[in-house]
Amino acid sequence: MQLYVLPAGLIQTNAYLLVAPERKEAVLIDAPGEVWEEVKPLLDRHDARLVALWITHGHWDHTQGGAEVVAATGATVYAHRADQVLIETPEVMEVFLGRGISLSPIKVDVWVEQGTRWSALGMEVEVRHVPGHCPGNVLFHFPAARAAFVGDALFAGSVGRTDLPGGSSETLLAAIRSQIYTLPDATTVYPGHGPATTVGTEKAGNPYVRG
């Protein structure tokens, strides 16, 4: 599996393109605005088909480019039902945005929840629910690759903001401890913004939530 980190959109939200060249398949995790412009050339390079879009949570900067991606590829969309309103009726977020930012709804095909497992790109994937930043924030964990894509729950040296509707600091810190810090220390954490880190690094030194 090959991983491409694709910061995109107005606030450079990380999208992650996972490609299995031998299978000619790919998965996109989150879809910030205009990310399709970066995804399409990579799919063409590998002669790969985008089979799925996995949404870590419903905030606009992670979903703004999703409708374009789905229209171009027919990818199956996965998300947590707690964020259904944000994803399927994104106009509810327009009050937080400036003029000129357009949001299009995305139809979710598969609702995931705590403990959902399946095989993707030839590897097992596990979902863990990590609310607090956003009610439906989930992480996608590849045990064999020692990788977890965590949305905006945890960052290198920081945590997600909790002052938006549906946010809760107490809920977030508890979820990080129970759902992220229980992963193996060597697991690489790929956040929605900024650089990657590891579970062990954050448990030892994150000033907001120690292990």
N, C-alpha and C. Protein backbone atom coordinates (compact mmCIF):
# COMPACT_ATOMS: atom_id res chain seq x y z
N MET A 1 0.84 -1.20 0.00
CA MET A 1 0.00 0.00 0.00
C MET A 1 0.87 1.24 0.00
N GLN A 2 0.57 2.19 -0.86
CA GLN A 2 1.29 3.45 -0.91
C GLN A 2 0.40 4.56 -0.36
N LEU A 3 1.01 5.46 0.38
CA LEU A 3 0.28 6.54 1.04
C LEU A 3 0.72 7.88 0.49
N TYR A 4 -0.25 8.71 0.14
CA TYR A 4 0.01 10.08 -0.30
C TYR A 4 -0.73 11.03 0.64
N VAL A 5 -0.01 11.99 1.19
CA VAL A 5 -0.59 13.02 2.05
C VAL A 5 -0.88 14.22 1.17
N LEU A 6 -2.15 14.64 1.15
CA LEU A 6 -2.57 15.68 0.22
C LEU A 6 -3.26 16.83 0.95
N PRO A 7 -2.50 17.78 1.51
CA PRO A 7 -3.14 18.94 2.13
C PRO A 7 -3.87 19.75 1.06
N ALA A 8 -5.10 20.13 1.34
CA ALA A 8 -5.90 20.83 0.33
C ALA A 8 -6.95 21.68 1.01
N GLY A 9 -7.58 22.55 0.22
CA GLY A 9 -8.65 23.39 0.74
C GLY A 9 -8.13 24.66 1.40
N LEU A 10 -9.08 25.45 1.88
CA LEU A 10 -8.76 26.77 2.40
C LEU A 10 -7.83 26.73 3.61
N ILE A 11 -7.94 25.70 4.43
CA ILE A 11 -7.09 25.65 5.62
C ILE A 11 -6.17 24.43 5.60
N GLN A 12 -5.86 23.97 4.39
CA GLN A 12 -4.88 22.90 4.20
C GLN A 12 -5.17 21.69 5.09
N THR A 13 -6.36 21.16 4.92
CA THR A 13 -6.76 19.94 5.62
C THR A 13 -6.11 18.75 4.94
N ASN A 14 -5.62 17.82 5.74
CA ASN A 14 -4.97 16.63 5.18
C ASN A 14 -6.00 15.65 4.63
N ALA A 15 -5.85 15.32 3.36
CA ALA A 15 -6.51 14.16 2.79
C ALA A 15 -5.43 13.09 2.62
N TYR A 16 -5.83 11.84 2.69
CA TYR A 16 -4.88 10.74 2.55
C TYR A 16 -5.37 9.80 1.46
N LEU A 17 -4.53 9.62 0.44
CA LEU A 17 -4.85 8.69 -0.63
C LEU A 17 -4.04 7.42 -0.41
N LEU A 18 -4.73 6.30 -0.27
CA LEU A 18 -4.09 5.00 -0.10
C LEU A 18 -4.27 4.22 -1.38
N VAL A 19 -3.16 3.75 -1.94
CA VAL A 19 -3.20 3.05 -3.22
C VAL A 19 -2.57 1.66 -3.07
N ALA A 20 -3.27 0.65 -3.55
CA ALA A 20 -2.71 -0.70 -3.65
C ALA A 20 -2.43 -0.96 -5.12
N PRO A 21 -1.20 -0.71 -5.59
CA PRO A 21 -0.91 -0.78 -7.03
C PRO A 21 -1.21 -2.13 -7.64
N GLU A 22 -0.93 -3.22 -6.90
CA GLU A 22 -1.15 -4.55 -7.47
C GLU A 22 -2.62 -4.85 -7.66
N ARG A 23 -3.47 -4.18 -6.89
CA ARG A 23 -4.92 -4.37 -7.00
C ARG A 23 -5.56 -3.32 -7.90
N LYS A 24 -4.78 -2.28 -8.21
CA LYS A 24 -5.28 -1.15 -9.00
C LYS A 24 -6.51 -0.51 -8.35
N GLU A 25 -6.43 -0.41 -7.02
CA GLU A 25 -7.51 0.18 -6.24
C GLU A 25 -6.94 1.23 -5.29
N ALA A 26 -7.80 2.18 -4.91
CA ALA A 26 -7.38 3.23 -4.00
C ALA A 26 -8.55 3.63 -3.10
N VAL A 27 -8.20 4.19 -1.95
CA VAL A 27 -9.17 4.73 -1.00
C VAL A 27 -8.72 6.13 -0.64
N LEU A 28 -9.67 7.06 -0.55
CA LEU A 28 -9.38 8.42 -0.12
C LEU A 28 -9.98 8.64 1.26
N ILE A 29 -9.17 9.14 2.19
CA ILE A 29 -9.66 9.47 3.52
C ILE A 29 -9.78 10.98 3.62
N ASP A 30 -11.00 11.45 3.72
CA ASP A 30 -11.40 12.86 3.76
C ASP A 30 -11.19 13.54 2.41
N ALA A 31 -11.98 14.59 2.20
CA ALA A 31 -11.99 15.24 0.89
C ALA A 31 -12.13 16.75 1.05
N PRO A 32 -11.05 17.44 1.40
CA PRO A 32 -11.10 18.91 1.46
C PRO A 32 -11.34 19.50 0.07
N GLY A 33 -11.63 20.77 0.05
CA GLY A 33 -11.93 21.43 -1.20
C GLY A 33 -10.83 21.28 -2.23
N GLU A 34 -11.22 21.01 -3.49
CA GLU A 34 -10.34 20.91 -4.64
C GLU A 34 -9.32 19.78 -4.56
N VAL A 35 -9.55 18.82 -3.66
CA VAL A 35 -8.59 17.72 -3.55
C VAL A 35 -8.59 16.83 -4.79
N TRP A 36 -9.69 16.80 -5.53
CA TRP A 36 -9.75 15.97 -6.72
C TRP A 36 -8.64 16.33 -7.70
N GLU A 37 -8.24 17.60 -7.74
CA GLU A 37 -7.17 18.01 -8.64
C GLU A 37 -5.85 17.33 -8.31
N GLU A 38 -5.67 16.95 -7.06
CA GLU A 38 -4.46 16.23 -6.66
C GLU A 38 -4.63 14.72 -6.74
N VAL A 39 -5.85 14.25 -6.52
CA VAL A 39 -6.10 12.81 -6.52
C VAL A 39 -6.07 12.22 -7.92
N LYS A 40 -6.70 12.89 -8.88
CA LYS A 40 -6.83 12.32 -10.22
C LYS A 40 -5.49 11.97 -10.86
N PRO A 41 -4.48 12.85 -10.84
CA PRO A 41 -3.21 12.47 -11.45
C PRO A 41 -2.56 11.25 -10.80
N LEU A 42 -2.74 11.08 -9.50
CA LEU A 42 -2.17 9.93 -8.82
C LEU A 42 -2.88 8.64 -9.21
N LEU A 43 -4.20 8.72 -9.34
CA LEU A 43 -4.94 7.55 -9.81
C LEU A 43 -4.51 7.18 -11.23
N ASP A 44 -4.34 8.19 -12.08
CA ASP A 44 -3.91 7.94 -13.45
C ASP A 44 -2.51 7.32 -13.48
N ARG A 45 -1.63 7.80 -12.61
CA ARG A 45 -0.26 7.29 -12.58
C ARG A 45 -0.24 5.80 -12.25
N HIS A 46 -1.12 5.40 -11.34
CA HIS A 46 -1.16 3.99 -10.92
C HIS A 46 -2.17 3.17 -11.71
N ASP A 47 -2.88 3.82 -12.63
CA ASP A 47 -3.97 3.14 -13.35
C ASP A 47 -4.92 2.49 -12.34
N ALA A 48 -5.25 3.25 -11.29
CA ALA A 48 -6.05 2.72 -10.18
C ALA A 48 -7.43 3.35 -10.17
N ARG A 49 -8.35 2.63 -9.58
CA ARG A 49 -9.74 3.09 -9.43
C ARG A 49 -9.99 3.45 -7.97
N LEU A 50 -10.59 4.61 -7.75
CA LEU A 50 -10.95 4.99 -6.38
C LEU A 50 -12.23 4.27 -6.00
N VAL A 51 -12.11 3.34 -5.05
CA VAL A 51 -13.26 2.51 -4.70
C VAL A 51 -14.05 3.06 -3.53
N ALA A 52 -13.42 3.94 -2.71
CA ALA A 52 -14.14 4.41 -1.53
C ALA A 52 -13.61 5.76 -1.06
N LEU A 53 -14.51 6.52 -0.45
CA LEU A 53 -14.17 7.73 0.28
C LEU A 53 -14.59 7.51 1.73
N TRP A 54 -13.63 7.58 2.63
CA TRP A 54 -13.90 7.44 4.06
C TRP A 54 -13.83 8.81 4.70
N ILE A 55 -14.88 9.19 5.38
CA ILE A 55 -14.95 10.51 6.01
C ILE A 55 -14.73 10.36 7.51
N THR A 56 -13.69 11.00 8.04
CA THR A 56 -13.42 10.88 9.47
C THR A 56 -14.45 11.63 10.30
N HIS A 57 -14.94 12.76 9.78
CA HIS A 57 -16.02 13.50 10.45
C HIS A 57 -16.59 14.53 9.50
N GLY A 58 -17.71 15.14 9.90
CA GLY A 58 -18.49 15.91 8.95
C GLY A 58 -18.18 17.39 8.82
N HIS A 59 -17.15 17.90 9.48
CA HIS A 59 -16.85 19.32 9.35
C HIS A 59 -16.51 19.68 7.91
N TRP A 60 -16.88 20.89 7.52
CA TRP A 60 -16.84 21.30 6.12
C TRP A 60 -15.47 21.16 5.48
N ASP A 61 -14.40 21.41 6.24
CA ASP A 61 -13.07 21.38 5.62
C ASP A 61 -12.62 19.96 5.29
N HIS A 62 -13.33 18.96 5.80
CA HIS A 62 -13.01 17.56 5.48
C HIS A 62 -13.93 16.99 4.42
N THR A 63 -14.98 17.73 4.06
CA THR A 63 -15.98 17.19 3.14
C THR A 63 -16.25 18.06 1.91
N GLN A 64 -15.67 19.26 1.87
CA GLN A 64 -16.04 20.21 0.81
C GLN A 64 -15.81 19.65 -0.59
N GLY A 65 -14.78 18.85 -0.77
CA GLY A 65 -14.50 18.30 -2.09
C GLY A 65 -15.10 16.94 -2.34
N GLY A 66 -15.88 16.42 -1.39
CA GLY A 66 -16.37 15.06 -1.49
C GLY A 66 -17.34 14.82 -2.63
N ALA A 67 -18.26 15.75 -2.85
CA ALA A 67 -19.25 15.56 -3.91
C ALA A 67 -18.57 15.48 -5.27
N GLU A 68 -17.55 16.29 -5.49
CA GLU A 68 -16.81 16.24 -6.76
C GLU A 68 -16.10 14.90 -6.92
N VAL A 69 -15.49 14.42 -5.86
CA VAL A 69 -14.78 13.13 -5.92
C VAL A 69 -15.75 12.01 -6.24
N VAL A 70 -16.89 11.98 -5.57
CA VAL A 70 -17.87 10.91 -5.79
C VAL A 70 -18.45 10.98 -7.20
N ALA A 71 -18.74 12.19 -7.66
CA ALA A 71 -19.29 12.33 -9.01
C ALA A 71 -18.32 11.82 -10.07
N ALA A 72 -17.03 12.03 -9.83
CA ALA A 72 -16.02 11.64 -10.82
C ALA A 72 -15.69 10.16 -10.78
N THR A 73 -15.89 9.52 -9.63
CA THR A 73 -15.40 8.15 -9.47
C THR A 73 -16.47 7.12 -9.12
N GLY A 74 -17.59 7.57 -8.57
CA GLY A 74 -18.59 6.63 -8.08
C GLY A 74 -18.16 5.92 -6.81
N ALA A 75 -17.21 6.49 -6.09
CA ALA A 75 -16.68 5.86 -4.88
C ALA A 75 -17.78 5.66 -3.83
N THR A 76 -17.70 4.57 -3.09
CA THR A 76 -18.61 4.29 -1.99
C THR A 76 -18.19 5.13 -0.79
N VAL A 77 -19.14 5.80 -0.15
CA VAL A 77 -18.84 6.74 0.93
C VAL A 77 -19.15 6.09 2.28
N TYR A 78 -18.18 6.18 3.19
CA TYR A 78 -18.30 5.64 4.55
C TYR A 78 -18.21 6.80 5.54
N ALA A 79 -19.05 6.78 6.57
CA ALA A 79 -19.01 7.80 7.63
C ALA A 79 -19.81 7.31 8.82
N HIS A 80 -19.73 8.06 9.92
CA HIS A 80 -20.49 7.74 11.13
C HIS A 80 -21.81 8.50 11.13
N ARG A 81 -22.88 7.81 11.53
CA ARG A 81 -24.21 8.40 11.43
C ARG A 81 -24.38 9.64 12.31
N ALA A 82 -23.59 9.80 13.37
CA ALA A 82 -23.72 10.97 14.22
C ALA A 82 -23.44 12.27 13.47
N ASP A 83 -22.77 12.17 12.33
CA ASP A 83 -22.49 13.35 11.51
C ASP A 83 -23.32 13.38 10.23
N GLN A 84 -24.40 12.64 10.19
CA GLN A 84 -25.22 12.57 8.98
C GLN A 84 -25.72 13.95 8.55
N VAL A 85 -26.18 14.75 9.50
CA VAL A 85 -26.71 16.07 9.16
C VAL A 85 -25.63 16.93 8.51
N LEU A 86 -24.42 16.91 9.07
CA LEU A 86 -23.34 17.73 8.53
C LEU A 86 -22.96 17.29 7.12
N ILE A 87 -22.97 16.00 6.86
CA ILE A 87 -22.51 15.48 5.57
C ILE A 87 -23.59 15.58 4.50
N GLU A 88 -24.82 15.26 4.87
CA GLU A 88 -25.88 15.20 3.86
C GLU A 88 -26.66 16.50 3.72
N THR A 89 -26.58 17.39 4.72
CA THR A 89 -27.19 18.73 4.62
C THR A 89 -26.17 19.76 5.11
N PRO A 90 -25.09 19.94 4.38
CA PRO A 90 -23.98 20.76 4.87
C PRO A 90 -24.29 22.25 5.00
N GLU A 91 -25.44 22.67 4.48
CA GLU A 91 -25.78 24.09 4.61
C GLU A 91 -25.92 24.51 6.07
N VAL A 92 -26.09 23.54 6.98
CA VAL A 92 -26.18 23.89 8.40
C VAL A 92 -24.87 24.48 8.90
N MET A 93 -23.77 24.28 8.17
CA MET A 93 -22.48 24.82 8.58
C MET A 93 -22.17 26.18 7.99
N GLU A 94 -23.02 26.65 7.09
CA GLU A 94 -22.71 27.89 6.38
C GLU A 94 -22.63 29.09 7.30
N VAL A 95 -23.30 29.03 8.45
CA VAL A 95 -23.25 30.14 9.39
C VAL A 95 -21.83 30.38 9.90
N PHE A 96 -20.98 29.34 9.84
CA PHE A 96 -19.60 29.46 10.32
C PHE A 96 -18.63 29.88 9.22
N LEU A 97 -19.11 30.00 7.99
CA LEU A 97 -18.22 30.19 6.86
C LEU A 97 -18.38 31.59 6.27
N GLY A 98 -17.36 32.00 5.53
CA GLY A 98 -17.41 33.27 4.85
C GLY A 98 -18.14 33.16 3.52
N ARG A 99 -18.36 34.28 2.90
CA ARG A 99 -19.03 34.28 1.60
C ARG A 99 -18.16 33.60 0.55
N GLY A 100 -18.80 33.00 -0.41
CA GLY A 100 -18.08 32.38 -1.51
C GLY A 100 -17.68 30.94 -1.28
N ILE A 101 -17.96 30.40 -0.09
CA ILE A 101 -17.65 29.00 0.18
C ILE A 101 -18.91 28.17 -0.05
N SER A 102 -18.84 27.29 -1.03
CA SER A 102 -20.00 26.48 -1.36
C SER A 102 -19.81 25.06 -0.85
N LEU A 103 -20.89 24.50 -0.34
CA LEU A 103 -20.86 23.14 0.19
C LEU A 103 -21.93 22.32 -0.50
N SER A 104 -21.56 21.15 -0.98
CA SER A 104 -22.51 20.27 -1.64
C SER A 104 -22.71 19.01 -0.80
N PRO A 105 -23.94 18.50 -0.74
CA PRO A 105 -24.20 17.30 0.07
C PRO A 105 -23.51 16.08 -0.51
N ILE A 106 -23.21 15.15 0.38
CA ILE A 106 -22.64 13.86 -0.01
C ILE A 106 -23.56 12.78 0.53
N LYS A 107 -23.93 11.85 -0.32
CA LYS A 107 -24.76 10.73 0.13
C LYS A 107 -23.85 9.65 0.71
N VAL A 108 -24.09 9.29 1.96
CA VAL A 108 -23.31 8.25 2.60
C VAL A 108 -23.92 6.89 2.28
N ASP A 109 -23.09 5.96 1.84
CA ASP A 109 -23.55 4.63 1.47
C ASP A 109 -23.45 3.63 2.61
N VAL A 110 -22.41 3.79 3.44
CA VAL A 110 -22.16 2.83 4.52
C VAL A 110 -21.94 3.60 5.82
N TRP A 111 -22.77 3.32 6.81
CA TRP A 111 -22.61 3.93 8.12
C TRP A 111 -21.75 3.02 9.00
N VAL A 112 -20.63 3.55 9.48
CA VAL A 112 -19.73 2.77 10.33
C VAL A 112 -19.97 3.15 11.78
N GLU A 113 -19.50 2.31 12.69
CA GLU A 113 -19.64 2.57 14.11
C GLU A 113 -18.49 1.91 14.84
N GLN A 114 -18.44 2.11 16.15
CA GLN A 114 -17.40 1.51 16.96
C GLN A 114 -17.31 0.00 16.70
N GLY A 115 -16.10 -0.44 16.32
CA GLY A 115 -15.88 -1.86 16.12
C GLY A 115 -16.15 -2.39 14.74
N THR A 116 -16.65 -1.55 13.83
CA THR A 116 -16.85 -2.00 12.45
C THR A 116 -15.51 -2.42 11.85
N ARG A 117 -15.51 -3.57 11.19
CA ARG A 117 -14.31 -4.10 10.55
C ARG A 117 -14.64 -4.58 9.14
N TRP A 118 -13.70 -4.43 8.24
CA TRP A 118 -13.83 -4.99 6.90
C TRP A 118 -12.45 -5.03 6.27
N SER A 119 -12.37 -5.56 5.08
CA SER A 119 -11.11 -5.63 4.35
C SER A 119 -11.11 -4.59 3.24
N ALA A 120 -10.01 -3.83 3.18
CA ALA A 120 -9.86 -2.82 2.13
C ALA A 120 -8.43 -2.83 1.63
N LEU A 121 -8.27 -2.79 0.34
CA LEU A 121 -6.94 -2.81 -0.27
C LEU A 121 -6.13 -4.02 0.19
N GLY A 122 -6.83 -5.11 0.50
CA GLY A 122 -6.17 -6.33 0.92
C GLY A 122 -5.75 -6.35 2.37
N MET A 123 -6.22 -5.37 3.17
CA MET A 123 -5.84 -5.28 4.58
C MET A 123 -7.07 -5.09 5.44
N GLU A 124 -6.97 -5.55 6.70
CA GLU A 124 -8.08 -5.36 7.63
C GLU A 124 -8.12 -3.90 8.11
N VAL A 125 -9.33 -3.37 8.22
CA VAL A 125 -9.55 -2.02 8.72
C VAL A 125 -10.48 -2.10 9.92
N GLU A 126 -10.17 -1.35 10.96
CA GLU A 126 -11.00 -1.27 12.15
C GLU A 126 -11.42 0.18 12.38
N VAL A 127 -12.68 0.39 12.72
CA VAL A 127 -13.18 1.72 13.05
C VAL A 127 -13.27 1.87 14.56
N ARG A 128 -12.81 3.02 15.06
CA ARG A 128 -13.02 3.39 16.45
C ARG A 128 -13.67 4.77 16.50
N HIS A 129 -14.67 4.92 17.34
CA HIS A 129 -15.41 6.17 17.47
C HIS A 129 -14.68 7.06 18.47
N VAL A 130 -14.32 8.27 18.03
CA VAL A 130 -13.55 9.19 18.87
C VAL A 130 -14.25 10.55 18.88
N PRO A 131 -15.40 10.67 19.54
CA PRO A 131 -16.14 11.94 19.55
C PRO A 131 -15.51 12.95 20.49
N GLY A 132 -16.05 14.16 20.46
CA GLY A 132 -15.58 15.23 21.34
C GLY A 132 -15.21 16.46 20.54
N HIS A 133 -14.49 16.28 19.45
CA HIS A 133 -14.28 17.38 18.50
C HIS A 133 -15.52 17.55 17.64
N CYS A 134 -16.05 16.42 17.22
CA CYS A 134 -17.26 16.37 16.40
C CYS A 134 -17.97 15.07 16.78
N PRO A 135 -19.30 15.06 16.85
CA PRO A 135 -19.98 13.86 17.36
C PRO A 135 -19.65 12.58 16.61
N GLY A 136 -19.42 12.69 15.30
CA GLY A 136 -19.19 11.49 14.51
C GLY A 136 -17.75 11.23 14.15
N ASN A 137 -16.80 11.86 14.84
CA ASN A 137 -15.39 11.65 14.49
C ASN A 137 -15.01 10.19 14.74
N VAL A 138 -14.45 9.56 13.72
CA VAL A 138 -13.95 8.20 13.84
C VAL A 138 -12.50 8.14 13.38
N LEU A 139 -11.83 7.08 13.78
CA LEU A 139 -10.51 6.80 13.22
C LEU A 139 -10.60 5.50 12.44
N PHE A 140 -9.76 5.40 11.41
CA PHE A 140 -9.65 4.20 10.60
C PHE A 140 -8.27 3.60 10.87
N HIS A 141 -8.26 2.39 11.44
CA HIS A 141 -7.03 1.76 11.91
C HIS A 141 -6.69 0.57 11.03
N PHE A 142 -5.46 0.57 10.51
CA PHE A 142 -4.91 -0.57 9.79
C PHE A 142 -3.93 -1.27 10.71
N PRO A 143 -4.35 -2.32 11.42
CA PRO A 143 -3.44 -2.97 12.38
C PRO A 143 -2.14 -3.47 11.75
N ALA A 144 -2.23 -4.08 10.57
CA ALA A 144 -1.04 -4.66 9.96
C ALA A 144 -0.04 -3.59 9.53
N ALA A 145 -0.54 -2.42 9.17
CA ALA A 145 0.33 -1.32 8.75
C ALA A 145 0.72 -0.41 9.91
N ARG A 146 0.16 -0.69 11.09
CA ARG A 146 0.42 0.14 12.28
C ARG A 146 0.16 1.61 11.96
N ALA A 147 -1.04 1.87 11.43
CA ALA A 147 -1.42 3.22 11.01
C ALA A 147 -2.85 3.50 11.42
N ALA A 148 -3.09 4.72 11.91
CA ALA A 148 -4.43 5.16 12.29
C ALA A 148 -4.67 6.56 11.76
N PHE A 149 -5.77 6.73 11.04
CA PHE A 149 -6.16 8.02 10.48
C PHE A 149 -7.27 8.57 11.36
N VAL A 150 -6.97 9.63 12.13
CA VAL A 150 -7.78 9.98 13.30
C VAL A 150 -8.63 11.23 13.13
N GLY A 151 -8.68 11.83 11.96
CA GLY A 151 -9.45 13.06 11.82
C GLY A 151 -8.88 14.16 12.69
N ASP A 152 -9.75 14.92 13.34
CA ASP A 152 -9.29 16.05 14.15
C ASP A 152 -9.36 15.75 15.65
N ALA A 153 -9.31 14.48 16.02
CA ALA A 153 -9.33 14.15 17.44
C ALA A 153 -8.00 14.49 18.11
N LEU A 154 -6.90 14.10 17.48
CA LEU A 154 -5.57 14.22 18.07
C LEU A 154 -4.59 14.73 17.02
N PHE A 155 -3.72 15.65 17.44
CA PHE A 155 -2.66 16.17 16.57
C PHE A 155 -1.32 15.94 17.25
N ALA A 156 -0.25 16.22 16.52
CA ALA A 156 1.08 16.16 17.12
C ALA A 156 1.19 17.27 18.16
N GLY A 157 1.19 16.89 19.43
CA GLY A 157 1.32 17.85 20.51
C GLY A 157 0.07 18.64 20.83
N SER A 158 -1.07 18.23 20.30
CA SER A 158 -2.30 18.98 20.55
C SER A 158 -3.50 18.06 20.39
N VAL A 159 -4.70 18.65 20.55
CA VAL A 159 -5.95 17.92 20.37
C VAL A 159 -6.92 18.79 19.59
N GLY A 160 -8.01 18.20 19.14
CA GLY A 160 -9.00 18.94 18.38
C GLY A 160 -9.74 19.97 19.23
N ARG A 161 -10.19 21.03 18.59
CA ARG A 161 -10.96 22.06 19.29
C ARG A 161 -12.32 21.49 19.69
N THR A 162 -12.87 22.02 20.76
CA THR A 162 -14.14 21.49 21.28
C THR A 162 -15.19 22.58 21.45
N ASP A 163 -14.97 23.75 20.84
CA ASP A 163 -15.88 24.87 21.03
C ASP A 163 -16.93 24.99 19.93
N LEU A 164 -16.95 24.06 18.99
CA LEU A 164 -17.97 24.06 17.95
C LEU A 164 -19.17 23.23 18.40
N PRO A 165 -20.33 23.42 17.76
CA PRO A 165 -21.51 22.64 18.17
C PRO A 165 -21.23 21.14 18.18
N GLY A 166 -21.63 20.49 19.25
CA GLY A 166 -21.39 19.06 19.38
C GLY A 166 -20.06 18.72 20.01
N GLY A 167 -19.26 19.74 20.33
CA GLY A 167 -17.95 19.49 20.92
C GLY A 167 -18.02 19.36 22.43
N SER A 168 -17.07 18.62 22.99
CA SER A 168 -16.98 18.45 24.44
C SER A 168 -15.55 18.06 24.78
N SER A 169 -14.89 18.89 25.59
CA SER A 169 -13.52 18.59 25.98
C SER A 169 -13.44 17.31 26.79
N GLU A 170 -14.37 17.14 27.72
CA GLU A 170 -14.35 15.95 28.56
C GLU A 170 -14.54 14.69 27.72
N THR A 171 -15.47 14.75 26.77
CA THR A 171 -15.71 13.60 25.90
C THR A 171 -14.49 13.30 25.04
N LEU A 172 -13.87 14.34 24.49
CA LEU A 172 -12.72 14.15 23.62
C LEU A 172 -11.56 13.52 24.36
N LEU A 173 -11.21 14.04 25.52
CA LEU A 173 -10.06 13.50 26.24
C LEU A 173 -10.30 12.05 26.65
N ALA A 174 -11.52 11.74 27.06
CA ALA A 174 -11.84 10.36 27.42
C ALA A 174 -11.74 9.44 26.20
N ALA A 175 -12.21 9.92 25.05
CA ALA A 175 -12.17 9.11 23.83
C ALA A 175 -10.74 8.90 23.35
N ILE A 176 -9.91 9.93 23.46
CA ILE A 176 -8.50 9.76 23.07
C ILE A 176 -7.85 8.68 23.93
N ARG A 177 -8.10 8.73 25.23
CA ARG A 177 -7.47 7.74 26.12
C ARG A 177 -7.98 6.32 25.85
N SER A 178 -9.28 6.20 25.58
CA SER A 178 -9.85 4.86 25.43
C SER A 178 -9.72 4.30 24.01
N GLN A 179 -9.66 5.17 23.00
CA GLN A 179 -9.70 4.69 21.63
C GLN A 179 -8.39 4.87 20.85
N ILE A 180 -7.61 5.88 21.20
CA ILE A 180 -6.33 6.10 20.50
C ILE A 180 -5.16 5.60 21.34
N TYR A 181 -5.14 5.95 22.60
CA TYR A 181 -4.02 5.56 23.45
C TYR A 181 -4.00 4.08 23.78
N THR A 182 -5.04 3.34 23.41
CA THR A 182 -5.03 1.89 23.59
C THR A 182 -4.51 1.16 22.35
N LEU A 183 -4.19 1.91 21.31
CA LEU A 183 -3.51 1.32 20.16
C LEU A 183 -2.04 1.10 20.51
N PRO A 184 -1.34 0.21 19.81
CA PRO A 184 0.08 0.01 20.09
C PRO A 184 0.88 1.31 19.98
N ASP A 185 1.86 1.49 20.85
CA ASP A 185 2.64 2.73 20.88
C ASP A 185 3.30 3.05 19.54
N ALA A 186 3.64 2.01 18.77
CA ALA A 186 4.33 2.23 17.50
C ALA A 186 3.39 2.66 16.38
N THR A 187 2.09 2.71 16.64
CA THR A 187 1.12 3.08 15.62
C THR A 187 1.34 4.53 15.18
N THR A 188 1.47 4.74 13.88
CA THR A 188 1.57 6.10 13.35
C THR A 188 0.19 6.72 13.31
N VAL A 189 0.09 7.93 13.84
CA VAL A 189 -1.17 8.68 13.88
C VAL A 189 -1.14 9.73 12.77
N TYR A 190 -2.09 9.62 11.85
CA TYR A 190 -2.20 10.57 10.75
C TYR A 190 -3.39 11.49 11.03
N PRO A 191 -3.14 12.76 11.40
CA PRO A 191 -4.22 13.67 11.78
C PRO A 191 -4.78 14.45 10.61
N GLY A 192 -5.88 15.15 10.89
CA GLY A 192 -6.52 15.95 9.87
C GLY A 192 -5.77 17.23 9.51
N HIS A 193 -4.83 17.62 10.34
CA HIS A 193 -4.02 18.81 10.09
C HIS A 193 -2.63 18.58 10.66
N GLY A 194 -1.62 19.06 9.96
CA GLY A 194 -0.27 18.99 10.49
C GLY A 194 0.40 17.65 10.28
N PRO A 195 1.58 17.47 10.89
CA PRO A 195 2.38 16.27 10.65
C PRO A 195 1.88 15.05 11.39
N ALA A 196 2.35 13.91 10.94
CA ALA A 196 2.06 12.65 11.61
C ALA A 196 2.84 12.56 12.92
N THR A 197 2.37 11.69 13.79
CA THR A 197 3.03 11.44 15.06
C THR A 197 2.85 9.96 15.38
N THR A 198 3.12 9.56 16.61
CA THR A 198 2.86 8.17 17.01
C THR A 198 2.08 8.16 18.31
N VAL A 199 1.42 7.05 18.56
CA VAL A 199 0.67 6.91 19.81
C VAL A 199 1.60 7.06 21.00
N GLY A 200 2.75 6.41 20.94
CA GLY A 200 3.69 6.48 22.06
C GLY A 200 4.19 7.88 22.33
N THR A 201 4.46 8.63 21.26
CA THR A 201 4.93 10.00 21.42
C THR A 201 3.90 10.86 22.12
N GLU A 202 2.64 10.72 21.72
CA GLU A 202 1.59 11.55 22.31
C GLU A 202 1.27 11.13 23.74
N LYS A 203 1.29 9.86 24.02
CA LYS A 203 1.05 9.40 25.39
C LYS A 203 2.11 9.96 26.33
N ALA A 204 3.32 10.07 25.84
CA ALA A 204 4.43 10.52 26.70
C ALA A 204 4.51 12.02 26.82
N GLY A 205 4.09 12.76 25.78
CA GLY A 205 4.38 14.18 25.81
C GLY A 205 3.28 15.14 25.40
N ASN A 206 2.10 14.65 25.01
CA ASN A 206 1.04 15.59 24.64
C ASN A 206 0.59 16.36 25.88
N PRO A 207 0.70 17.70 25.87
CA PRO A 207 0.39 18.46 27.09
C PRO A 207 -1.09 18.50 27.45
N TYR A 208 -1.97 18.12 26.52
CA TYR A 208 -3.40 18.18 26.75
C TYR A 208 -3.97 16.87 27.28
N VAL A 209 -3.32 15.76 26.90
CA VAL A 209 -3.87 14.47 27.32
C VAL A 209 -2.72 13.45 27.40
N ARG A 210 -2.23 13.25 28.60
CA ARG A 210 -1.15 12.26 28.82
C ARG A 210 -1.76 10.86 28.91
N GLY A 211 -0.94 9.90 28.58
CA GLY A 211 -1.37 8.52 28.64
C GLY A 211 -1.40 8.01 30.07
